[in-house]
């Protein structure tokens, strides 16, 4: 059955279909056995990879937009101020 993995005593066994809808795991020998069934959908790893890639693109885009905004704001502060309309007198004192 697609996606199902069975382990019997640590060995991987094939999961078969029984009575049209039940799962059957062949067990060799009699006695007590440890049987583990896991569902690992085939598309899970592909979906996980697509999700990870989308997250990287989103966070990269967010960082790029944030950095562009910082460059724009920093550029505004580096603009020279206009000359004052009232003349400014500067006094210099020299001490000897």
N, C-alpha and C. Protein backbone atom coordinates (compact mmCIF):
# COMPACT_ATOMS: atom_id res chain seq x y z
N UNK A 1 0.85 -1.17 0.00
CA UNK A 1 0.00 0.00 0.00
C UNK A 1 0.90 1.23 0.00
N UNK A 2 0.62 2.18 -0.86
CA UNK A 2 1.51 3.33 -1.00
C UNK A 2 1.59 4.16 0.29
N UNK A 3 2.82 4.46 0.66
CA UNK A 3 3.03 5.31 1.82
C UNK A 3 3.21 4.56 3.12
N UNK A 4 2.81 3.32 3.21
CA UNK A 4 2.90 2.56 4.46
C UNK A 4 4.19 1.77 4.50
N UNK A 5 4.86 1.81 5.65
CA UNK A 5 6.10 1.06 5.89
C UNK A 5 5.88 0.21 7.13
N UNK A 6 6.24 -1.06 7.03
CA UNK A 6 6.10 -1.97 8.17
C UNK A 6 7.46 -2.54 8.53
N UNK A 7 7.72 -2.61 9.82
CA UNK A 7 8.93 -3.27 10.32
C UNK A 7 8.51 -4.37 11.27
N UNK A 8 9.02 -5.56 11.02
CA UNK A 8 8.76 -6.70 11.89
C UNK A 8 10.10 -7.10 12.48
N UNK A 9 10.23 -6.96 13.79
CA UNK A 9 11.48 -7.27 14.49
C UNK A 9 12.67 -6.55 13.86
N UNK A 10 12.47 -5.30 13.44
CA UNK A 10 13.55 -4.49 12.89
C UNK A 10 13.78 -4.67 11.40
N UNK A 11 13.10 -5.62 10.75
CA UNK A 11 13.25 -5.83 9.31
C UNK A 11 12.09 -5.17 8.58
N UNK A 12 12.37 -4.52 7.47
CA UNK A 12 11.32 -3.87 6.68
C UNK A 12 10.57 -4.94 5.90
N UNK A 13 9.26 -4.91 6.02
CA UNK A 13 8.39 -5.85 5.30
C UNK A 13 7.42 -5.07 4.42
N UNK A 14 6.93 -5.73 3.39
CA UNK A 14 5.97 -5.11 2.48
C UNK A 14 4.58 -5.13 3.11
N UNK A 15 3.87 -4.02 2.98
CA UNK A 15 2.50 -3.94 3.46
C UNK A 15 1.60 -4.31 2.28
N UNK A 16 0.79 -5.34 2.48
CA UNK A 16 -0.07 -5.84 1.42
C UNK A 16 -1.52 -5.45 1.69
N UNK A 17 -2.36 -5.58 0.67
CA UNK A 17 -3.79 -5.30 0.80
C UNK A 17 -4.51 -6.63 1.03
N UNK A 18 -5.40 -6.65 2.03
CA UNK A 18 -6.17 -7.86 2.31
C UNK A 18 -7.64 -7.53 2.41
N UNK A 19 -8.50 -8.37 1.84
CA UNK A 19 -9.95 -8.18 1.86
C UNK A 19 -10.35 -6.81 1.31
N UNK A 20 -9.65 -6.36 0.31
CA UNK A 20 -9.93 -5.14 -0.45
C UNK A 20 -9.61 -3.84 0.29
N UNK A 21 -9.54 -3.80 1.59
CA UNK A 21 -9.29 -2.52 2.27
C UNK A 21 -8.42 -2.65 3.53
N UNK A 22 -8.12 -3.83 3.95
CA UNK A 22 -7.31 -4.01 5.15
C UNK A 22 -5.82 -4.08 4.80
N UNK A 23 -4.99 -3.82 5.80
CA UNK A 23 -3.55 -3.93 5.62
C UNK A 23 -3.09 -5.26 6.19
N UNK A 24 -2.20 -5.92 5.43
CA UNK A 24 -1.67 -7.21 5.84
C UNK A 24 -0.16 -7.12 5.83
N UNK A 25 0.46 -7.57 6.94
CA UNK A 25 1.92 -7.59 7.03
C UNK A 25 2.32 -9.05 7.26
N UNK A 26 3.10 -9.64 6.34
CA UNK A 26 3.52 -11.03 6.54
C UNK A 26 4.50 -11.15 7.70
N UNK A 27 4.23 -12.11 8.58
CA UNK A 27 5.10 -12.36 9.73
C UNK A 27 5.64 -13.78 9.59
N UNK A 28 6.94 -13.92 9.62
CA UNK A 28 7.58 -15.21 9.43
C UNK A 28 7.84 -15.85 10.80
N UNK A 29 7.40 -17.07 10.97
CA UNK A 29 7.64 -17.79 12.21
C UNK A 29 6.59 -17.47 13.26
N UNK A 30 6.53 -18.30 14.24
CA UNK A 30 5.55 -18.11 15.32
C UNK A 30 6.24 -17.44 16.50
N UNK A 31 5.46 -17.03 17.48
CA UNK A 31 6.01 -16.42 18.67
C UNK A 31 5.66 -14.95 18.76
N UNK A 32 6.37 -14.26 19.61
CA UNK A 32 6.12 -12.84 19.86
C UNK A 32 6.99 -12.02 18.91
N UNK A 33 6.38 -11.03 18.27
CA UNK A 33 7.08 -10.17 17.32
C UNK A 33 6.75 -8.72 17.61
N UNK A 34 7.70 -7.85 17.32
CA UNK A 34 7.47 -6.40 17.39
C UNK A 34 7.12 -5.92 15.98
N UNK A 35 5.92 -5.38 15.82
CA UNK A 35 5.46 -4.89 14.51
C UNK A 35 5.23 -3.39 14.63
N UNK A 36 5.83 -2.66 13.71
CA UNK A 36 5.67 -1.20 13.69
C UNK A 36 5.17 -0.79 12.31
N UNK A 37 4.08 -0.03 12.28
CA UNK A 37 3.53 0.51 11.04
C UNK A 37 3.69 2.03 11.06
N UNK A 38 4.21 2.57 9.96
CA UNK A 38 4.37 4.02 9.83
C UNK A 38 3.79 4.45 8.50
N UNK A 39 3.20 5.63 8.50
CA UNK A 39 2.70 6.19 7.24
C UNK A 39 3.62 7.31 6.82
N UNK A 40 4.28 7.12 5.70
CA UNK A 40 5.19 8.11 5.15
C UNK A 40 4.72 8.44 3.73
N UNK A 41 3.84 9.45 3.60
CA UNK A 41 3.29 9.76 2.28
C UNK A 41 4.39 10.14 1.30
N UNK A 42 4.27 9.67 0.06
CA UNK A 42 5.32 9.95 -0.93
C UNK A 42 5.51 11.44 -1.21
N UNK A 43 4.44 12.21 -1.14
CA UNK A 43 4.54 13.64 -1.48
C UNK A 43 5.00 14.49 -0.30
N UNK A 44 5.20 13.89 0.88
CA UNK A 44 5.55 14.68 2.06
C UNK A 44 6.90 15.37 1.89
N UNK A 45 7.91 14.62 1.44
CA UNK A 45 9.24 15.21 1.29
C UNK A 45 9.25 16.29 0.21
N UNK A 46 8.50 16.07 -0.87
CA UNK A 46 8.42 17.09 -1.91
C UNK A 46 7.73 18.34 -1.38
N UNK A 47 6.65 18.15 -0.62
CA UNK A 47 5.96 19.29 -0.03
C UNK A 47 6.82 20.04 0.96
N UNK A 48 7.60 19.30 1.73
CA UNK A 48 8.52 19.92 2.69
C UNK A 48 9.58 20.74 1.96
N UNK A 49 10.10 20.22 0.85
CA UNK A 49 11.11 20.96 0.07
C UNK A 49 10.51 22.24 -0.53
N UNK A 50 9.29 22.15 -1.05
CA UNK A 50 8.64 23.33 -1.63
C UNK A 50 8.38 24.38 -0.55
N UNK A 51 7.95 23.93 0.62
CA UNK A 51 7.70 24.85 1.74
C UNK A 51 8.99 25.55 2.17
N UNK A 52 10.08 24.78 2.28
CA UNK A 52 11.36 25.36 2.67
C UNK A 52 11.84 26.38 1.64
N UNK A 53 11.69 26.06 0.35
CA UNK A 53 12.11 27.00 -0.70
C UNK A 53 11.27 28.27 -0.66
N UNK A 54 9.96 28.13 -0.45
CA UNK A 54 9.09 29.30 -0.38
C UNK A 54 9.45 30.17 0.82
N UNK A 55 9.78 29.54 1.94
CA UNK A 55 10.20 30.31 3.12
C UNK A 55 11.50 31.07 2.84
N UNK A 56 12.45 30.43 2.18
CA UNK A 56 13.71 31.12 1.86
C UNK A 56 13.47 32.31 0.94
N UNK A 57 12.61 32.13 -0.06
CA UNK A 57 12.31 33.24 -0.96
C UNK A 57 11.63 34.37 -0.21
N UNK A 58 10.67 34.03 0.65
CA UNK A 58 9.94 35.07 1.40
C UNK A 58 10.87 35.84 2.31
N UNK A 59 11.66 35.13 3.12
CA UNK A 59 12.56 35.82 4.05
C UNK A 59 13.64 36.59 3.31
N UNK A 60 14.12 36.06 2.18
CA UNK A 60 15.10 36.80 1.38
C UNK A 60 14.51 38.08 0.82
N UNK A 61 13.28 38.00 0.34
CA UNK A 61 12.61 39.19 -0.19
C UNK A 61 12.37 40.22 0.91
N UNK A 62 11.95 39.75 2.09
CA UNK A 62 11.73 40.66 3.20
C UNK A 62 13.03 41.35 3.61
N UNK A 63 14.13 40.61 3.64
CA UNK A 63 15.42 41.21 4.00
C UNK A 63 15.86 42.21 2.94
N UNK A 64 15.62 41.90 1.67
CA UNK A 64 16.00 42.81 0.60
C UNK A 64 15.20 44.11 0.68
N UNK A 65 13.90 44.02 0.91
CA UNK A 65 13.06 45.22 1.02
C UNK A 65 13.47 46.04 2.24
N UNK A 66 13.75 45.37 3.35
CA UNK A 66 14.18 46.08 4.56
C UNK A 66 15.51 46.80 4.33
N UNK A 67 16.46 46.11 3.67
CA UNK A 67 17.76 46.73 3.40
C UNK A 67 17.61 47.90 2.43
N UNK A 68 16.73 47.77 1.44
CA UNK A 68 16.51 48.87 0.50
C UNK A 68 15.92 50.08 1.22
N UNK A 69 15.02 49.83 2.16
CA UNK A 69 14.45 50.92 2.95
C UNK A 69 15.50 51.61 3.81
N UNK A 70 16.41 50.83 4.39
CA UNK A 70 17.48 51.43 5.18
C UNK A 70 18.39 52.29 4.32
N UNK A 71 18.70 51.80 3.12
CA UNK A 71 19.56 52.59 2.22
C UNK A 71 18.88 53.91 1.86
N UNK A 72 17.57 53.87 1.63
CA UNK A 72 16.84 55.08 1.26
C UNK A 72 16.81 56.06 2.42
N UNK A 73 16.59 55.58 3.64
CA UNK A 73 16.53 56.46 4.80
C UNK A 73 17.91 57.04 5.10
N UNK A 74 18.94 56.23 5.01
CA UNK A 74 20.29 56.73 5.25
C UNK A 74 20.69 57.75 4.20
N UNK A 75 20.25 57.58 2.98
CA UNK A 75 20.56 58.52 1.91
C UNK A 75 19.95 59.89 2.17
N UNK A 76 18.78 59.94 2.80
CA UNK A 76 18.14 61.23 3.11
C UNK A 76 18.96 62.02 4.11
N UNK A 77 19.59 61.37 5.05
CA UNK A 77 20.34 62.07 6.09
C UNK A 77 21.68 62.60 5.57
N UNK A 78 22.13 62.11 4.47
CA UNK A 78 23.41 62.56 3.93
C UNK A 78 23.26 63.76 3.01
N UNK A 79 22.05 64.23 2.77
CA UNK A 79 21.81 65.38 1.91
C UNK A 79 22.26 66.64 2.65
N UNK A 80 22.96 67.53 1.93
CA UNK A 80 23.44 68.76 2.58
C UNK A 80 22.26 69.70 2.84
N UNK A 81 22.35 70.44 3.90
CA UNK A 81 21.30 71.38 4.28
C UNK A 81 21.42 72.64 3.44
N UNK A 82 20.31 73.30 3.17
CA UNK A 82 20.37 74.54 2.38
C UNK A 82 21.04 75.65 3.20
N UNK A 83 21.56 76.62 2.48
CA UNK A 83 22.19 77.76 3.13
C UNK A 83 21.12 78.58 3.87
N UNK A 84 21.46 79.09 5.05
CA UNK A 84 20.48 79.90 5.77
C UNK A 84 20.21 81.21 5.05
N UNK A 85 18.98 81.72 5.17
CA UNK A 85 18.62 82.96 4.49
C UNK A 85 19.17 84.18 5.23
N UNK A 86 19.44 84.05 6.53
CA UNK A 86 19.99 85.16 7.31
C UNK A 86 21.49 84.92 7.42
N UNK A 87 22.29 85.95 7.13
CA UNK A 87 23.74 85.74 7.23
C UNK A 87 24.15 85.42 8.68
N UNK A 88 25.06 84.53 8.80
CA UNK A 88 25.54 84.12 10.12
C UNK A 88 26.93 84.68 10.28
N UNK A 89 27.16 85.32 11.43
CA UNK A 89 28.47 85.87 11.72
C UNK A 89 29.23 84.90 12.62
N UNK A 90 30.46 84.66 12.25
CA UNK A 90 31.29 83.75 13.02
C UNK A 90 32.39 84.56 13.66
N UNK A 91 32.51 84.44 14.95
CA UNK A 91 33.56 85.17 15.67
C UNK A 91 34.69 84.21 15.96
N UNK A 92 35.86 84.71 15.73
CA UNK A 92 37.01 83.91 16.04
C UNK A 92 37.82 84.63 17.11
N UNK A 93 38.20 83.90 18.08
CA UNK A 93 39.05 84.49 19.11
C UNK A 93 40.40 83.78 19.07
N UNK A 94 41.39 84.58 19.21
CA UNK A 94 42.74 84.03 19.20
C UNK A 94 43.34 84.34 20.56
N UNK A 95 43.81 83.34 21.20
CA UNK A 95 44.47 83.57 22.50
C UNK A 95 45.94 83.27 22.35
N UNK A 96 46.70 84.13 23.01
CA UNK A 96 48.15 84.00 22.91
C UNK A 96 48.74 83.63 24.22
